[in-house]
Amino acid sequence: MNIQGTKMYMLQQRLKYIKFKLKNWNKEESGDIIKAKIETEQKLQEVNQINTSEGFNEERQKLINTLQGEWKDHFVQEETFWT
């Protein structure tokens, strides 16, 4: 990174670059937490609807339990993100 200008300008440009890199790193490492939570909610709702319309199924119940666990994990991650 070769920046020319005043010391303040160079600092500003370096901070912008670091911000850009950190945002990309955050997306790659944790993904989009809110999007993942919403997708899990949708899957959970679909499976619950199938379970309601077709009756109880032990395999679907296991899937519901797994999805609920994933949703709780996403919720905790989102809560941590906002604090």
C-alpha atoms as a PDB file:
ATOM      1  CA  MET A   1       0.000   0.000   0.000  1.00  0.00           C
ATOM      2  CA  ASN A   2       1.722   3.141  -1.224  1.00  0.00           C
ATOM      3  CA  ILE A   3      -0.074   6.295  -0.100  1.00  0.00           C
ATOM      4  CA  GLN A   4       1.153   9.820  -0.581  1.00  0.00           C
ATOM      5  CA  GLY A   5      -0.105  12.964   1.037  1.00  0.00           C
ATOM      6  CA  THR A   6      -0.150  14.545   4.459  1.00  0.00           C
ATOM      7  CA  LYS A   7       0.365  12.370   7.527  1.00  0.00           C
ATOM      8  CA  MET A   8      -3.322  12.730   8.448  1.00  0.00           C
ATOM      9  CA  TYR A   9      -4.435  11.738   4.934  1.00  0.00           C
ATOM     10  CA  MET A  10      -2.139   8.705   4.961  1.00  0.00           C
ATOM     11  CA  LEU A  11      -3.530   7.652   8.354  1.00  0.00           C
ATOM     12  CA  GLN A  12      -7.094   8.094   7.101  1.00  0.00           C
ATOM     13  CA  GLN A  13      -6.432   5.949   4.019  1.00  0.00           C
ATOM     14  CA  ARG A  14      -4.765   3.213   6.080  1.00  0.00           C
ATOM     15  CA  LEU A  15      -7.706   3.142   8.476  1.00  0.00           C
ATOM     16  CA  LYS A  16     -10.135   2.857   5.537  1.00  0.00           C
ATOM     17  CA  TYR A  17      -8.094  -0.052   4.197  1.00  0.00           C
ATOM     18  CA  ILE A  18      -8.066  -1.793   7.595  1.00  0.00           C
ATOM     19  CA  LYS A  19     -11.823  -1.273   7.922  1.00  0.00           C
ATOM     20  CA  PHE A  20     -12.379  -2.844   4.502  1.00  0.00           C
ATOM     21  CA  LYS A  21     -10.189  -5.842   5.359  1.00  0.00           C
ATOM     22  CA  LEU A  22     -11.862  -6.340   8.754  1.00  0.00           C
ATOM     23  CA  LYS A  23     -15.346  -6.279   7.213  1.00  0.00           C
ATOM     24  CA  ASN A  24     -14.348  -8.926   4.693  1.00  0.00           C
ATOM     25  CA  TRP A  25     -12.707 -11.044   7.383  1.00  0.00           C
ATOM     26  CA  ASN A  26     -15.806 -10.784   9.570  1.00  0.00           C
ATOM     27  CA  LYS A  27     -18.090 -11.936   6.737  1.00  0.00           C
ATOM     28  CA  GLU A  28     -15.816 -14.842   5.874  1.00  0.00           C
ATOM     29  CA  GLU A  29     -15.380 -16.003   9.463  1.00  0.00           C
ATOM     30  CA  SER A  30     -18.845 -15.535  10.899  1.00  0.00           C
ATOM     31  CA  GLY A  31     -20.936 -15.069   7.783  1.00  0.00           C
ATOM     32  CA  ASP A  32     -24.098 -13.092   7.888  1.00  0.00           C
ATOM     33  CA  ILE A  33     -25.501 -13.991  11.302  1.00  0.00           C
ATOM     34  CA  ILE A  34     -28.878 -12.341  10.820  1.00  0.00           C
ATOM     35  CA  LYS A  35     -29.399 -13.962   7.418  1.00  0.00           C
ATOM     36  CA  ALA A  36     -28.475 -17.385   8.818  1.00  0.00           C
ATOM     37  CA  LYS A  37     -30.920 -16.900  11.700  1.00  0.00           C
ATOM     38  CA  ILE A  38     -33.741 -15.968   9.320  1.00  0.00           C
ATOM     39  CA  GLU A  39     -33.005 -18.965   7.071  1.00  0.00           C
ATOM     40  CA  THR A  40     -33.067 -21.272  10.103  1.00  0.00           C
ATOM     41  CA  GLU A  41     -36.381 -19.743  11.216  1.00  0.00           C
ATOM     42  CA  GLN A  42     -37.856 -20.403   7.774  1.00  0.00           C
ATOM     43  CA  LYS A  43     -36.678 -24.033   7.754  1.00  0.00           C
ATOM     44  CA  LEU A  44     -38.052 -24.500  11.256  1.00  0.00           C
ATOM     45  CA  GLN A  45     -41.405 -23.063  10.236  1.00  0.00           C
ATOM     46  CA  GLU A  46     -41.579 -25.330   7.166  1.00  0.00           C
ATOM     47  CA  VAL A  47     -40.806 -28.465   9.172  1.00  0.00           C
ATOM     48  CA  ASN A  48     -43.319 -27.477  11.845  1.00  0.00           C
ATOM     49  CA  GLN A  49     -46.003 -27.004   9.187  1.00  0.00           C
ATOM     50  CA  ILE A  50     -45.252 -30.429   7.705  1.00  0.00           C
ATOM     51  CA  ASN A  51     -45.327 -31.962  11.176  1.00  0.00           C
ATOM     52  CA  THR A  52     -48.710 -30.311  11.811  1.00  0.00           C
ATOM     53  CA  SER A  53     -50.286 -31.315   8.502  1.00  0.00           C
ATOM     54  CA  GLU A  54     -48.885 -34.851   8.255  1.00  0.00           C
ATOM     55  CA  GLY A  55     -48.786 -35.708  11.929  1.00  0.00           C
ATOM     56  CA  PHE A  56     -45.940 -36.337  14.329  1.00  0.00           C
ATOM     57  CA  ASN A  57     -42.812 -37.941  12.952  1.00  0.00           C
ATOM     58  CA  GLU A  58     -39.826 -38.780  15.147  1.00  0.00           C
ATOM     59  CA  GLU A  59     -37.269 -37.916  12.434  1.00  0.00           C
ATOM     60  CA  ARG A  60     -38.894 -34.542  11.826  1.00  0.00           C
ATOM     61  CA  GLN A  61     -38.934 -33.927  15.566  1.00  0.00           C
ATOM     62  CA  LYS A  62     -35.174 -34.561  15.678  1.00  0.00           C
ATOM     63  CA  LEU A  63     -34.766 -32.090  12.816  1.00  0.00           C
ATOM     64  CA  ILE A  64     -36.898 -29.557  14.699  1.00  0.00           C
ATOM     65  CA  ASN A  65     -34.702 -29.976  17.779  1.00  0.00           C
ATOM     66  CA  THR A  66     -31.562 -29.524  15.677  1.00  0.00           C
ATOM     67  CA  LEU A  67     -32.951 -26.408  13.984  1.00  0.00           C
ATOM     68  CA  GLN A  68     -34.002 -24.964  17.343  1.00  0.00           C
ATOM     69  CA  GLY A  69     -30.442 -25.465  18.588  1.00  0.00           C
ATOM     70  CA  GLU A  70     -29.046 -23.746  15.503  1.00  0.00           C
ATOM     71  CA  TRP A  71     -31.505 -20.887  15.950  1.00  0.00           C
ATOM     72  CA  LYS A  72     -30.445 -20.432  19.583  1.00  0.00           C
ATOM     73  CA  ASP A  73     -26.791 -20.363  18.504  1.00  0.00           C
ATOM     74  CA  HIS A  74     -27.539 -17.718  15.872  1.00  0.00           C
ATOM     75  CA  PHE A  75     -29.537 -15.728  18.429  1.00  0.00           C
ATOM     76  CA  VAL A  76     -26.623 -15.721  20.877  1.00  0.00           C
ATOM     77  CA  GLN A  77     -24.211 -14.708  18.100  1.00  0.00           C
ATOM     78  CA  GLU A  78     -26.514 -11.875  17.048  1.00  0.00           C
ATOM     79  CA  GLU A  79     -26.946 -10.728  20.633  1.00  0.00           C
ATOM     80  CA  THR A  80     -23.177 -10.732  21.119  1.00  0.00           C
ATOM     81  CA  PHE A  81     -22.724  -8.820  17.859  1.00  0.00           C
ATOM     82  CA  TRP A  82     -25.024  -6.006  19.012  1.00  0.00           C
ATOM     83  CA  THR A  83     -23.490  -5.657  22.485  1.00  0.00           C
END
